[in-house]
C-alpha atoms as a PDB file:
ATOM      1  CA  MET A   1     150.681  88.221 105.958  1.00  0.00           C
ATOM      2  CA  ASN A   2     149.228  84.766 105.335  1.00  0.00           C
ATOM      3  CA  VAL A   3     147.277  83.682 102.253  1.00  0.00           C
ATOM      4  CA  TYR A   4     143.977  83.844 104.128  1.00  0.00           C
ATOM      5  CA  SER A   5     144.459  87.455 105.111  1.00  0.00           C
ATOM      6  CA  ARG A   6     145.603  88.604 101.693  1.00  0.00           C
ATOM      7  CA  PHE A   7     143.007  86.890  99.510  1.00  0.00           C
ATOM      8  CA  PHE A   8     140.038  85.505 101.400  1.00  0.00           C
ATOM      9  CA  ARG A   9     139.339  88.356 103.810  1.00  0.00           C
ATOM     10  CA  PRO A  10     139.017  91.001 101.020  1.00  0.00           C
ATOM     11  CA  ALA A  11     136.992  88.557  98.916  1.00  0.00           C
ATOM     12  CA  ALA A  12     134.659  87.856 101.838  1.00  0.00           C
ATOM     13  CA  LEU A  13     134.248  91.583 102.473  1.00  0.00           C
ATOM     14  CA  ALA A  14     133.469  92.206  98.800  1.00  0.00           C
ATOM     15  CA  LEU A  15     130.904  89.395  98.829  1.00  0.00           C
ATOM     16  CA  VAL A  16     129.191  90.832 101.905  1.00  0.00           C
ATOM     17  CA  LEU A  17     129.047  94.279 100.289  1.00  0.00           C
ATOM     18  CA  VAL A  18     127.621  92.906  97.041  1.00  0.00           C
ATOM     19  CA  LEU A  19     124.991  90.828  98.822  1.00  0.00           C
ATOM     20  CA  GLY A  20     124.077  93.727 101.089  1.00  0.00           C
ATOM     21  CA  SER A  21     123.644  96.094  98.166  1.00  0.00           C
ATOM     22  CA  GLY A  22     121.339  93.541  96.527  1.00  0.00           C
ATOM     23  CA  LEU A  23     118.991  93.651  99.506  1.00  0.00           C
ATOM     24  CA  VAL A  24     118.924  97.430  99.471  1.00  0.00           C
ATOM     25  CA  SER A  25     118.164  97.500  95.745  1.00  0.00           C
ATOM     26  CA  ALA A  26     115.471  94.854  96.244  1.00  0.00           C
ATOM     27  CA  LYS A  27     113.324  97.433  98.012  1.00  0.00           C
ATOM     28  CA  SER A  28     112.447  99.125  94.720  1.00  0.00           C
ATOM     29  CA  VAL A  29     112.527  97.448  91.336  1.00  0.00           C
ATOM     30  CA  PRO A  30     111.215  98.516  87.904  1.00  0.00           C
ATOM     31  CA  GLY A  31     108.544  95.806  87.946  1.00  0.00           C
ATOM     32  CA  ASP A  32     106.779  97.624  90.773  1.00  0.00           C
ATOM     33  CA  GLY A  33     105.563 100.292  88.369  1.00  0.00           C
ATOM     34  CA  ALA A  34     102.966  97.997  86.854  1.00  0.00           C
ATOM     35  CA  ILE A  35     100.977  99.233  83.875  1.00  0.00           C
ATOM     36  CA  PRO A  36      97.949 101.139  85.163  1.00  0.00           C
ATOM     37  CA  VAL A  37      94.561  99.609  84.558  1.00  0.00           C
ATOM     38  CA  VAL A  38      93.784 102.588  82.259  1.00  0.00           C
ATOM     39  CA  GLU A  39      95.952 105.607  81.490  1.00  0.00           C
ATOM     40  CA  LEU A  40      94.357 108.098  79.097  1.00  0.00           C
ATOM     41  CA  MET A  41      95.781 111.523  79.958  1.00  0.00           C
ATOM     42  CA  PRO A  42      99.127 111.131  78.169  1.00  0.00           C
ATOM     43  CA  LEU A  43      97.233 110.189  75.013  1.00  0.00           C
ATOM     44  CA  THR A  44      94.899 113.176  75.283  1.00  0.00           C
ATOM     45  CA  MET A  45      97.928 115.467  75.288  1.00  0.00           C
ATOM     46  CA  LYS A  46      99.755 113.607  72.521  1.00  0.00           C
ATOM     47  CA  HIS A  47      96.728 113.356  70.221  1.00  0.00           C
ATOM     48  CA  GLU A  48      94.768 116.539  70.966  1.00  0.00           C
ATOM     49  CA  ALA A  49      94.940 117.574  67.274  1.00  0.00           C
ATOM     50  CA  ASP A  50      93.912 114.095  66.035  1.00  0.00           C
ATOM     51  CA  LEU A  51      91.044 114.067  68.528  1.00  0.00           C
ATOM     52  CA  LYS A  52      90.028 117.567  67.386  1.00  0.00           C
ATOM     53  CA  LEU A  53      89.799 118.820  70.955  1.00  0.00           C
ATOM     54  CA  THR A  54      88.428 122.313  71.420  1.00  0.00           C
ATOM     55  CA  ALA A  55      90.214 124.958  73.473  1.00  0.00           C
ATOM     56  CA  GLU A  56      87.587 124.454  76.189  1.00  0.00           C
ATOM     57  CA  GLN A  57      88.175 120.694  76.246  1.00  0.00           C
ATOM     58  CA  ILE A  58      91.946 121.154  76.404  1.00  0.00           C
ATOM     59  CA  GLN A  59      91.530 123.554  79.330  1.00  0.00           C
ATOM     60  CA  ALA A  60      89.121 121.213  81.130  1.00  0.00           C
ATOM     61  CA  LEU A  61      91.539 118.291  80.720  1.00  0.00           C
ATOM     62  CA  GLU A  62      94.436 120.431  81.968  1.00  0.00           C
ATOM     63  CA  ASN A  63      92.403 121.525  84.993  1.00  0.00           C
ATOM     64  CA  TYR A  64      91.535 117.917  85.802  1.00  0.00           C
ATOM     65  CA  ARG A  65      95.187 116.849  85.487  1.00  0.00           C
ATOM     66  CA  LYS A  66      96.326 119.622  87.827  1.00  0.00           C
ATOM     67  CA  GLN A  67      93.672 118.673  90.371  1.00  0.00           C
ATOM     68  CA  ALA A  68      94.087 114.886  90.216  1.00  0.00           C
ATOM     69  CA  MET A  69      97.793 114.367  89.596  1.00  0.00           C
ATOM     70  CA  PRO A  70      99.124 115.101  93.114  1.00  0.00           C
ATOM     71  CA  GLY A  71      96.789 112.514  94.659  1.00  0.00           C
ATOM     72  CA  ARG A  72      97.572 109.915  92.009  1.00  0.00           C
ATOM     73  CA  VAL A  73     101.315 110.392  92.361  1.00  0.00           C
ATOM     74  CA  ALA A  74     101.063 110.131  96.157  1.00  0.00           C
ATOM     75  CA  VAL A  75      99.101 106.871  95.945  1.00  0.00           C
ATOM     76  CA  GLN A  76     101.557 105.399  93.447  1.00  0.00           C
ATOM     77  CA  LYS A  77     104.508 106.325  95.685  1.00  0.00           C
ATOM     78  CA  LYS A  78     102.697 104.759  98.638  1.00  0.00           C
ATOM     79  CA  ILE A  79     102.180 101.522  96.690  1.00  0.00           C
ATOM     80  CA  LEU A  80     105.841 101.372  95.676  1.00  0.00           C
ATOM     81  CA  ALA A  81     106.988 102.007  99.247  1.00  0.00           C
ATOM     82  CA  LEU A  82     104.643  99.365 100.659  1.00  0.00           C
ATOM     83  CA  ARG A  83     105.768  96.831  98.043  1.00  0.00           C
ATOM     84  CA  GLY A  84     109.362  97.511  99.026  1.00  0.00           C
ATOM     85  CA  GLU A  85     108.500  96.996 102.692  1.00  0.00           C
ATOM     86  CA  LEU A  86     106.680  93.753 101.890  1.00  0.00           C
ATOM     87  CA  ARG A  87     109.542  92.502  99.742  1.00  0.00           C
ATOM     88  CA  MET A  88     111.998  93.066 102.575  1.00  0.00           C
ATOM     89  CA  ALA A  89     109.599  91.602 105.165  1.00  0.00           C
ATOM     90  CA  MET A  90     109.427  88.429 103.077  1.00  0.00           C
ATOM     91  CA  LEU A  91     113.183  88.251 102.553  1.00  0.00           C
ATOM     92  CA  ASP A  92     113.841  88.987 106.239  1.00  0.00           C
ATOM     93  CA  ASN A  93     111.286  86.350 107.292  1.00  0.00           C
ATOM     94  CA  LYS A  94     109.249  88.821 109.344  1.00  0.00           C
ATOM     95  CA  PRO A  95     106.222  87.418 111.193  1.00  0.00           C
ATOM     96  CA  ALA A  96     103.296  86.376 108.992  1.00  0.00           C
ATOM     97  CA  ALA A  97     101.019  88.922 110.678  1.00  0.00           C
ATOM     98  CA  GLU A  98     103.364  91.760 109.678  1.00  0.00           C
ATOM     99  CA  ARG A  99     103.556  90.532 106.069  1.00  0.00           C
ATOM    100  CA  GLU A 100      99.785  90.098 105.870  1.00  0.00           C
ATOM    101  CA  ALA A 101      99.222  93.604 107.254  1.00  0.00           C
ATOM    102  CA  LEU A 102     101.464  94.989 104.506  1.00  0.00           C
ATOM    103  CA  MET A 103      99.592  92.943 101.890  1.00  0.00           C
ATOM    104  CA  LYS A 104      96.317  94.398 103.111  1.00  0.00           C
ATOM    105  CA  GLN A 105      97.699  97.938 102.975  1.00  0.00           C
ATOM    106  CA  ILE A 106      98.922  97.330  99.414  1.00  0.00           C
ATOM    107  CA  ALA A 107      95.521  95.967  98.373  1.00  0.00           C
ATOM    108  CA  GLU A 108      93.753  98.995  99.870  1.00  0.00           C
ATOM    109  CA  ALA A 109      96.171 101.393  98.166  1.00  0.00           C
ATOM    110  CA  GLU A 110      95.715  99.574  94.838  1.00  0.00           C
ATOM    111  CA  ILE A 111      91.934  99.920  95.151  1.00  0.00           C
ATOM    112  CA  GLU A 112      92.400 103.629  95.869  1.00  0.00           C
ATOM    113  CA  HIS A 113      94.584 103.856  92.750  1.00  0.00           C
ATOM    114  CA  PHE A 114      92.017 101.989  90.619  1.00  0.00           C
ATOM    115  CA  LYS A 115      89.263 104.319  91.817  1.00  0.00           C
ATOM    116  CA  GLY A 116      91.389 107.326  90.902  1.00  0.00           C
ATOM    117  CA  ARG A 117      91.955 105.907  87.422  1.00  0.00           C
ATOM    118  CA  GLU A 118      88.223 105.278  87.126  1.00  0.00           C
ATOM    119  CA  ARG A 119      87.465 108.892  88.098  1.00  0.00           C
ATOM    120  CA  CYS A 120      89.899 110.031  85.424  1.00  0.00           C
ATOM    121  CA  VAL A 121      88.197 107.933  82.738  1.00  0.00           C
ATOM    122  CA  GLU A 122      84.824 109.328  83.771  1.00  0.00           C
ATOM    123  CA  ALA A 123      86.159 112.903  83.666  1.00  0.00           C
ATOM    124  CA  VAL A 124      87.594 112.355  80.188  1.00  0.00           C
ATOM    125  CA  ARG A 125      84.310 110.772  79.094  1.00  0.00           C
ATOM    126  CA  ARG A 126      82.391 113.856  80.358  1.00  0.00           C
ATOM    127  CA  ILE A 127      84.781 116.325  78.740  1.00  0.00           C
ATOM    128  CA  MET A 128      84.968 114.647  75.322  1.00  0.00           C
ATOM    129  CA  SER A 129      82.278 113.846  72.832  1.00  0.00           C
ATOM    130  CA  ALA A 130      81.304 110.192  72.451  1.00  0.00           C
ATOM    131  CA  GLU A 131      83.197 110.045  69.145  1.00  0.00           C
ATOM    132  CA  GLN A 132      86.349 111.549  70.647  1.00  0.00           C
ATOM    133  CA  PHE A 133      86.229 109.180  73.593  1.00  0.00           C
ATOM    134  CA  THR A 134      85.782 106.177  71.286  1.00  0.00           C
ATOM    135  CA  GLN A 135      88.783 107.302  69.228  1.00  0.00           C
ATOM    136  CA  LEU A 136      90.874 107.839  72.378  1.00  0.00           C
ATOM    137  CA  SER A 137      89.872 104.424  73.732  1.00  0.00           C
ATOM    138  CA  GLN A 138      90.960 102.795  70.486  1.00  0.00           C
ATOM    139  CA  LEU A 139      94.306 104.623  70.573  1.00  0.00           C
ATOM    140  CA  TYR A 140      94.806 103.360  74.114  1.00  0.00           C
ATOM    141  CA  LEU A 141      93.901  99.769  73.278  1.00  0.00           C
ATOM    142  CA  ASP A 142      96.111  99.820  70.174  1.00  0.00           C
ATOM    143  CA  GLY A 143      99.008 100.919  72.369  1.00  0.00           C
ATOM    144  CA  LEU A 144      98.529  97.905  74.650  1.00  0.00           C
ATOM    145  CA  ARG A 145      99.028  95.452  71.816  1.00  0.00           C
END
C-alpha cells in the first residue's frame, strides 16, 4: 500500500465527514432561540407568593398557559425550522427568490410570535391587579439586566 492510500485517503475521508457534520449541525444552533420580546409566565409561577396571587388568579394563569402554550410552542418550532432552512439555503447558494421567500416566512412567523406574546401580556395584565403587574414587570426587567 502506498503512502497516499495509507495516510491521505483516510484523512480526506475524515475531513469530508467533519465538514459534512458541520453543515448538518448548522441547521439548528442555540442562537436561534432568541430571547422573547416579553416572557412573563415563568416569573408568575416562580414568584406567585411574592406577587400575593390569589387562588383564582393562579387558576386563571394556569388556564391561560394551558390554552396558549401549544400555539406558542408550534410557532417557535416553525421559526427555528425556517431559520435552519434559510441558513442552509444561504450556505448552499440557493436562488435569491427561494431565500427571500424563506425570509418572508420567518418575518411572518416572528410577527405571529410577537402577537402571541402580546396576548399573553394582556391576559396577565387582566388577571393581576395593577400593583401585581407593576411588580411582575419590574422583576422581568431586572432579570434582563
